[in-house]
Every structure is written in C-alpha cells, then in structure tokens.
Amino acid sequence: MDKWLNHPTALKIISLVIGILMWAVVHFDSEKTPSTVATLTETRDIDGVQIKPIGMDDKNYALRLLDPEEVHLTVRGSRSDLLIASHNNDYQVTVDLSKAAEGRMVLPVKVSLPRGLELIEARPSSVTVVLERLLTKEFEVQIHAEGTPGKGYKLGQPLVKPNGRVHVTLPEDEMSQVAFVGGTVSVDGEEETVGDKKMKLVALDKDGNELTDAVISPSVVEVEIPITKPFKKLPLQVGFTGSLPEGLAISEFKQSVDAITVYGPQDALDKVEFYDGLTIDLSQLKQSGTMKLDIKPGQDIATVDPATVTFDYTIVPAQTKLLPKLPVTLIGLSDGLKAQITLPEDAHVDASISGAGNMLAQVGAKDVQLVADLSGLGPGTHVVPVEMHLPRFIDQTPGSPLSISVTISDGTTTPAGVTDSEGAGTPDGSLPTDGQPAADPNADGGSDPTSDGGATSNNGKSSDDPVNTEQPGTDAGTHENQETQPDNNPANGNP
C-alpha cells in the first residue's frame, strides 16, 4: 500500500479528486438552483441625500433658493459594497454654481457614489436655484450696557476699537431690515472703567431678531466703557491758624485755584457745599515764598481734582491804622433786660489795626465789626471786652485791647448815671439807631463828664457822622477829648 501511494500517478489522481470536491462545496447549494447562486449584485434606494452647492461667489451673491434640497438615488452593487456604504452621507450630491448669475436658473446635480456602486437613477436630476447680489453697507457700532454700575457711579461714552464703524454685507432685500449692529457688555456692579473687553457683533432687526445672513467685518471688536464718578465743584476755603511774627504782615496772597472738583457717590456729594480741609499756620511763615498743600478727599469722597494747591505769599513789615468812632454791637442780652453803653460816653470806640500798607488802605469803618457779648450778665455795671471782626490778613494792633462799660437794668428802672430824658436805649436794650431822637446832653451849654449824653449825642452814627462842634470849649465827639475828660463815672469801673 505504501508503495502505491508513493507512485507519482497516484498522487496526481488524488489531487484532482480533492480539487473537484472543493469546487463543489463552494458552488453548489442544495436549496438553490445554479442560476440563483451565480447572482452577486443588488439594487437599493437611497432617500434624503442632501444637495450641496459648490463654486458660488459668496462675496457677491447669496443663495436665496435651492429647490429641492434633497434627492432620491437608486444604486446597484454587490451586497458587500452596499453594506459598506450604509450611511447617506457616503453619497455626495452637488450642484455647481460657479457659472451661475443673479436670478433664477435650473442646474443639473452631480452624484458621487462610494466605490463599487453604480447609479441607476437620481430623482430629480436637476434643481432650481435663485442667487441674489449682496450689498455692503457701513454701520456705526452700538454698545448696549447691561446691568447697573456700583452705587452712585455713572456710565460714560463707550469707545470701540479699532474704530466705531463696521461693514455689514447682506442680500439687498434684507439690508433695509438692519436696525442695530453691535453687542452687549455687562457693567453690573462696576466701579472702574471696563477696558479692552472683546465683544462679538450681531445685526438685529427692529424687533430684536438676529439677521443670521449678515456678514459683519470685523465681527469682533474691543470695547472700553468708562465708569465715571458723579462730581461736584466746590469753593475752596482756606483756614488760618496762629499769627505772623510781630511786626510782619501779608501784603499779597494768591492761590492756584479757588474751587476744586470732587468725585464720589451722589449721596455723599449732596452733603457737601464747600471744601475747608486746608489750614495754614501763619506762625510758621517768616518771609515771602511759595507752599504746596495736598487736598485730601473727605469721607466717602473718592478723588479730588486738583490734588494739590499752590499758594504764593508776600510778607512785608506791618503798619498800623486808627479807625475812630466805631459802633459796638451788643449781643447775648437776656430777655427782659436792657443794656446801655456808659463808657465811652458816645458808645463808639477807636480801633487800632495793623497789616500791610496796601491792605490797610482798603479797610474802612464798614469793613470792621466790633462785638460785645453780654451773655450771662445780669443787672448792674459791667466792663465787657470788645471783639474785633476783621478782614483777612488784618489784625488788631498788639497791646491795644478794647473794652466798654455797660449798665444792664431789668427794664423797669433807669440805669445808674442815665436820666429819663436821655433814654436807656430802645425797648430791646440796643442803642438808638439813626433817625431816633435823643436828648442833647449839652443843651445847657456845658458838658457833664459824668453823664451818658455822649452815648446818644451822635444818634448812634459811625465815625463818618458829623460831630457836634457848636459848644465852645468842648469837643466831646472826638477821640482826643475822650482821653482828656475826667474819668469819674463809676459805670466804667473806675473809682
């Protein structure tokens, strides 16, 4: 047996038999006829294949209509190839618009199939397209600020970079619908300027609907929205303390600004009417010069402008000036009491003031106020100091304090040293005013140094009033005569 199998002819016969058996296994099916087994291709319908426009000049035209937008395909191929191309997106259907012009036209579709498949039919085989020419128009960018800034802060004018205008491209029939080109930026709670914020632009119609076909160039811009603080302009009031060294006076004083601008919440600004936060110590000034002072914001005030004020001042030797016959104003008298100035007799005093010569030349009696405070004083005779209210940089001459003698009564009795005919003043305790009659203390041709006739002899007029000179040998209305009269009136506090 082994010898037979090793024979070449036997091996050839065995190989032939095995080959025939293998062919039979592959090509024969007991359940099918030979003609059915030999059929290897199939036909299939593909629905809803999207048509893709290509080649359109989208800078000058817009596709307004593509009808229909899908096609139905019938294809043929082997089962295996059809299985591989199982998805619709494996089938490509295009319409070439590279040669299309403005208006309506019908163009054929082109079908590209997966490998191994054959197109039987495309329904429809052509589509209707409408192209419309595009328009480009320039628009100003509008910024919509969303939200509310921090308390009391306000929005400034938005700034768009690189510039505030952009170009919008749209079909002609949509261009007229553009009502807004811009974007929205949130400023809610902001207290500082919103800067370098990128914003995408959109085109909206009058109803706020976005025009999705709009092509905006540039489509993204940078926006800066100033957040401004409310401000208020305030007068600048400079305070002074101390005094210049004795013998010196300020002849000129200039400041760089008379008002400042303060910034802050509106409720804080409403509470201030002026700025008085600067004080200059005059005792530190020895000679002419310049100084700078910083202006510090007050409570709830954010910033001030300017932040620094410059002062130029000139210091010169002081001079003196005598202002004669100044009236004295009485204040602070309790209700129900009357007061009468008994010394000086004419109820006027001479005041000596000092300052720079140019300043003194501008000061008159109307610029100086003398005040005696009677607060807390009861009936009787009192020596009361007189306070001088003077213009800026004018001082009372050192070593020349002023005082008066005042007699206070309860209103039912006549003050000591004052006769009924002379009167004790007006019902409210003040001195007679211009136009009020007063008894003439020198009606008998003489002068009584112990009487108060001088208190009303000038009818309460100031130093500018005429002085009675009709009495020979007397000059009771002058300062010199007051100094030489006998001081024997107990009302002035002397024995």
Foldseek 3Di string as FASTA:
>chain_A
DVVVCPDVVNVVVVVVVVVVVVVCVVQDDPVDDSVVSVDFKDKDKDWFQFEAEPQDPVVWKDWPDKPPGGKMWMKMFGPVQCVVVVDSVQKYKYWYCNPPDAAKDKTFIDIDHPPGMGTPDIVPRIIMIHMATKDKDKDFADEAEDADEAAQKDKDDKAKPPHGMKMKIDGPVCPVQFDHWYFYDYRHHHPAKDFFDKGFIFTAGPVRHTPVRIDIVPRIIGMIMGIFFDKDKAFEDEAEDEADPPFKFWPDKDKPDGIKMWGFHPVVVVVDHHDYPHYYYNPPDDAWDKDKDADDDDPRIDDMPPRIMMMGIGMDGKDKDKAWFAAEAEDQDDPQKAKAFPPPLQRGGIFMKMHDPVVVVPDHSVQKYKYWYCHPDDAAKDKTWIDIDHDPRMGGRPPDTDITIMGMDSQPDATPQEDVQQDQADSRRHHAAPPDDGDQCCPVLDDDSQHSNNNCNQRSDGPVGDFDPPRPPDRSVDPVRSVPDDPPHCSRVDD
